[in-house]
Protein backbone atom coordinates (compact mmCIF):
# COMPACT_ATOMS: atom_id res chain seq x y z
CA UNK A 1 -23.76 9.38 15.23
CA UNK A 2 -21.95 6.24 15.83
CA UNK A 3 -20.08 6.58 12.56
CA UNK A 4 -18.30 9.51 13.16
CA UNK A 5 -15.93 7.38 14.88
CA UNK A 6 -14.82 5.58 11.68
CA UNK A 7 -14.30 9.14 10.09
CA UNK A 8 -11.11 9.76 12.18
CA UNK A 9 -9.37 6.50 12.05
CA UNK A 10 -7.19 6.14 9.11
CA UNK A 11 -7.41 2.22 9.19
CA UNK A 12 -10.89 2.69 7.44
CA UNK A 13 -10.01 5.01 5.04
CA UNK A 14 -10.04 2.88 1.86
CA UNK A 15 -10.59 4.26 -1.81
CA UNK A 16 -12.38 1.43 -3.57
CA UNK A 17 -12.16 3.27 -6.95
CA UNK A 18 -8.38 2.72 -7.03
CA UNK A 19 -8.74 -0.68 -6.07
CA UNK A 20 -11.79 -2.19 -8.09
CA UNK A 21 -9.74 -5.38 -8.75
CA UNK A 22 -10.56 -6.29 -5.13
CA UNK A 23 -14.13 -6.63 -6.20
CA UNK A 24 -13.08 -8.39 -9.30
CA UNK A 25 -11.40 -11.06 -7.18
CA UNK A 26 -14.38 -11.64 -4.83
CA UNK A 27 -16.73 -11.78 -7.62
CA UNK A 28 -14.43 -14.48 -9.24
CA UNK A 29 -14.20 -16.38 -5.81
CA UNK A 30 -18.07 -16.52 -5.83
CA UNK A 31 -18.43 -17.85 -9.58
CA UNK A 32 -15.53 -20.23 -8.80
CA UNK A 33 -17.01 -21.60 -5.71
CA UNK A 34 -20.13 -22.08 -7.72
CA UNK A 35 -18.81 -23.88 -10.66
CA UNK A 36 -16.63 -25.97 -8.40
CA UNK A 37 -19.97 -27.22 -6.22
CA UNK A 38 -22.04 -27.60 -9.05
CA UNK A 39 -19.55 -29.04 -11.76
CA UNK A 40 -16.43 -30.44 -10.40
CA UNK A 41 -17.28 -32.14 -7.27
CA UNK A 42 -17.96 -35.76 -6.76
CA UNK A 43 -19.66 -37.84 -4.11
CA UNK A 44 -16.73 -39.70 -2.71
CA UNK A 45 -16.12 -40.27 1.11
CA UNK A 46 -13.39 -38.15 2.88
CA UNK A 47 -10.73 -40.94 3.93
CA UNK A 48 -10.02 -39.49 7.29
CA UNK A 49 -7.45 -40.85 9.90
CA UNK A 50 -9.49 -42.95 12.85
CA UNK A 51 -7.93 -40.82 15.47
CA UNK A 52 -9.21 -37.57 13.78
CA UNK A 53 -12.70 -39.22 13.29
CA UNK A 54 -12.98 -39.77 17.29
CA UNK A 55 -11.71 -36.39 18.00
CA UNK A 56 -14.29 -34.66 16.22
CA UNK A 57 -16.69 -37.33 17.37
CA UNK A 58 -15.60 -36.16 20.84
CA UNK A 59 -16.04 -32.42 20.06
CA UNK A 60 -19.77 -33.29 18.57
CA UNK A 61 -19.47 -33.72 14.96
CA UNK A 62 -21.55 -36.97 14.11
CA UNK A 63 -20.63 -37.43 10.18
CA UNK A 64 -16.87 -36.80 10.03
CA UNK A 65 -15.73 -37.50 6.87
CA UNK A 66 -19.02 -38.31 5.30
CA UNK A 67 -19.33 -35.09 3.80
CA UNK A 68 -16.91 -32.57 2.47
CA UNK A 69 -17.52 -30.18 5.31
CA UNK A 70 -19.00 -30.74 8.61
CA UNK A 71 -22.88 -30.29 8.56
CA UNK A 72 -22.70 -29.03 12.00
CA UNK A 73 -20.80 -26.07 10.96
CA UNK A 74 -22.06 -25.53 7.60
CA UNK A 75 -25.74 -26.22 7.19
CA UNK A 76 -28.27 -23.23 7.11
CA UNK A 77 -29.37 -23.89 10.89
CA UNK A 78 -25.93 -23.33 12.23
CA UNK A 79 -25.49 -20.29 10.28
CA UNK A 80 -28.62 -18.78 10.99
CA UNK A 81 -28.32 -19.48 14.86
CA UNK A 82 -27.27 -16.70 17.07
CA UNK A 83 -23.98 -18.86 17.73
CA UNK A 84 -23.25 -19.16 14.05
CA UNK A 85 -23.96 -15.68 13.34
CA UNK A 86 -21.71 -14.40 16.08
CA UNK A 87 -19.06 -16.60 14.87
CA UNK A 88 -19.08 -15.74 11.43
CA UNK A 89 -19.20 -11.90 11.73
CA UNK A 90 -16.77 -11.76 14.61
CA UNK A 91 -14.49 -14.03 12.76
CA UNK A 92 -14.82 -12.22 9.43
CA UNK A 93 -13.99 -9.21 11.47
CA UNK A 94 -10.94 -10.40 12.99
CA UNK A 95 -9.81 -11.78 9.49
CA UNK A 96 -10.14 -8.54 7.97
CA UNK A 97 -8.45 -6.58 10.72
CA UNK A 98 -5.60 -9.29 11.01
CA UNK A 99 -4.97 -8.84 7.27
CA UNK A 100 -4.76 -5.44 7.21
CA UNK A 101 -2.54 -5.21 10.63
CA UNK A 102 -0.12 -7.89 9.51
CA UNK A 103 0.31 -6.27 6.10
CA UNK A 104 -0.90 -9.25 4.13
CA UNK A 105 -2.83 -12.48 4.31
CA UNK A 106 -0.68 -15.83 5.71
CA UNK A 107 -0.30 -17.18 1.77
CA UNK A 108 1.33 -14.05 1.01
CA UNK A 109 3.46 -13.86 3.92
CA UNK A 110 4.42 -17.51 3.87
CA UNK A 111 5.03 -17.90 -0.07
CA UNK A 112 6.26 -14.50 -1.26
CA UNK A 113 7.72 -13.06 2.20
CA UNK A 114 9.52 -16.05 3.07
CA UNK A 115 10.76 -16.90 0.20
CA UNK A 116 12.22 -13.51 -0.72
CA UNK A 117 13.77 -13.67 3.16
CA UNK A 118 11.55 -10.80 4.89
CA UNK A 119 12.03 -10.90 8.45
CA UNK A 120 8.44 -9.35 9.00
CA UNK A 121 6.81 -12.01 6.95
CA UNK A 122 8.81 -14.73 9.10
CA UNK A 123 7.35 -12.89 12.51
CA UNK A 124 3.94 -12.82 10.89
CA UNK A 125 4.01 -16.45 10.08
CA UNK A 126 5.16 -17.56 13.33
CA UNK A 127 2.42 -15.36 14.67
CA UNK A 128 -0.24 -17.24 12.23
CA UNK A 129 0.84 -20.75 13.44
CA UNK A 130 0.69 -19.96 17.11
CA UNK A 131 -2.67 -18.34 16.67
CA UNK A 132 -4.07 -21.37 14.79
CA UNK A 133 -2.64 -23.81 17.14
CA UNK A 134 -4.19 -21.82 20.18
CA UNK A 135 -7.51 -21.43 18.32
CA UNK A 136 -7.66 -25.13 17.66
CA UNK A 137 -6.49 -26.48 21.22
CA UNK A 138 -7.92 -24.18 23.54
CA UNK A 139 -10.71 -21.77 21.80
CA UNK A 140 -12.44 -24.10 19.50
CA UNK A 141 -13.23 -26.93 22.20
CA UNK A 142 -15.07 -24.30 24.20
CA UNK A 143 -17.13 -23.22 21.19
CA UNK A 144 -18.51 -26.57 20.51
């Protein structure tokens, strides 16, 4: 059975009953997102720098700045395509693994960790920024 491997790894052992607040946070994020879109959104066009618009157009984004998020990434066709599903699943797994491996999220390390002068948080934040720069400049152009 393929799930037997997960039983031997301490990384995947998680007691949800002790951390039910995690599910409350997820539910709050979903409800908050719904409220923000339905009741707090406006139809203003995002004011982007012309250089940013030309770079995004070169990457294949047609209506840069006309919508809050690019339709090429966040429409139903993009999400249900094999490429879109692969990006969502692999990206989600990498984010979850990275958060668990780094001992916290980017905001936690950058705000709380750096303000309390923790060395591991400084190393983590440097890694986050380097990873973001590599992704943006080298990997993202290959995907689009």
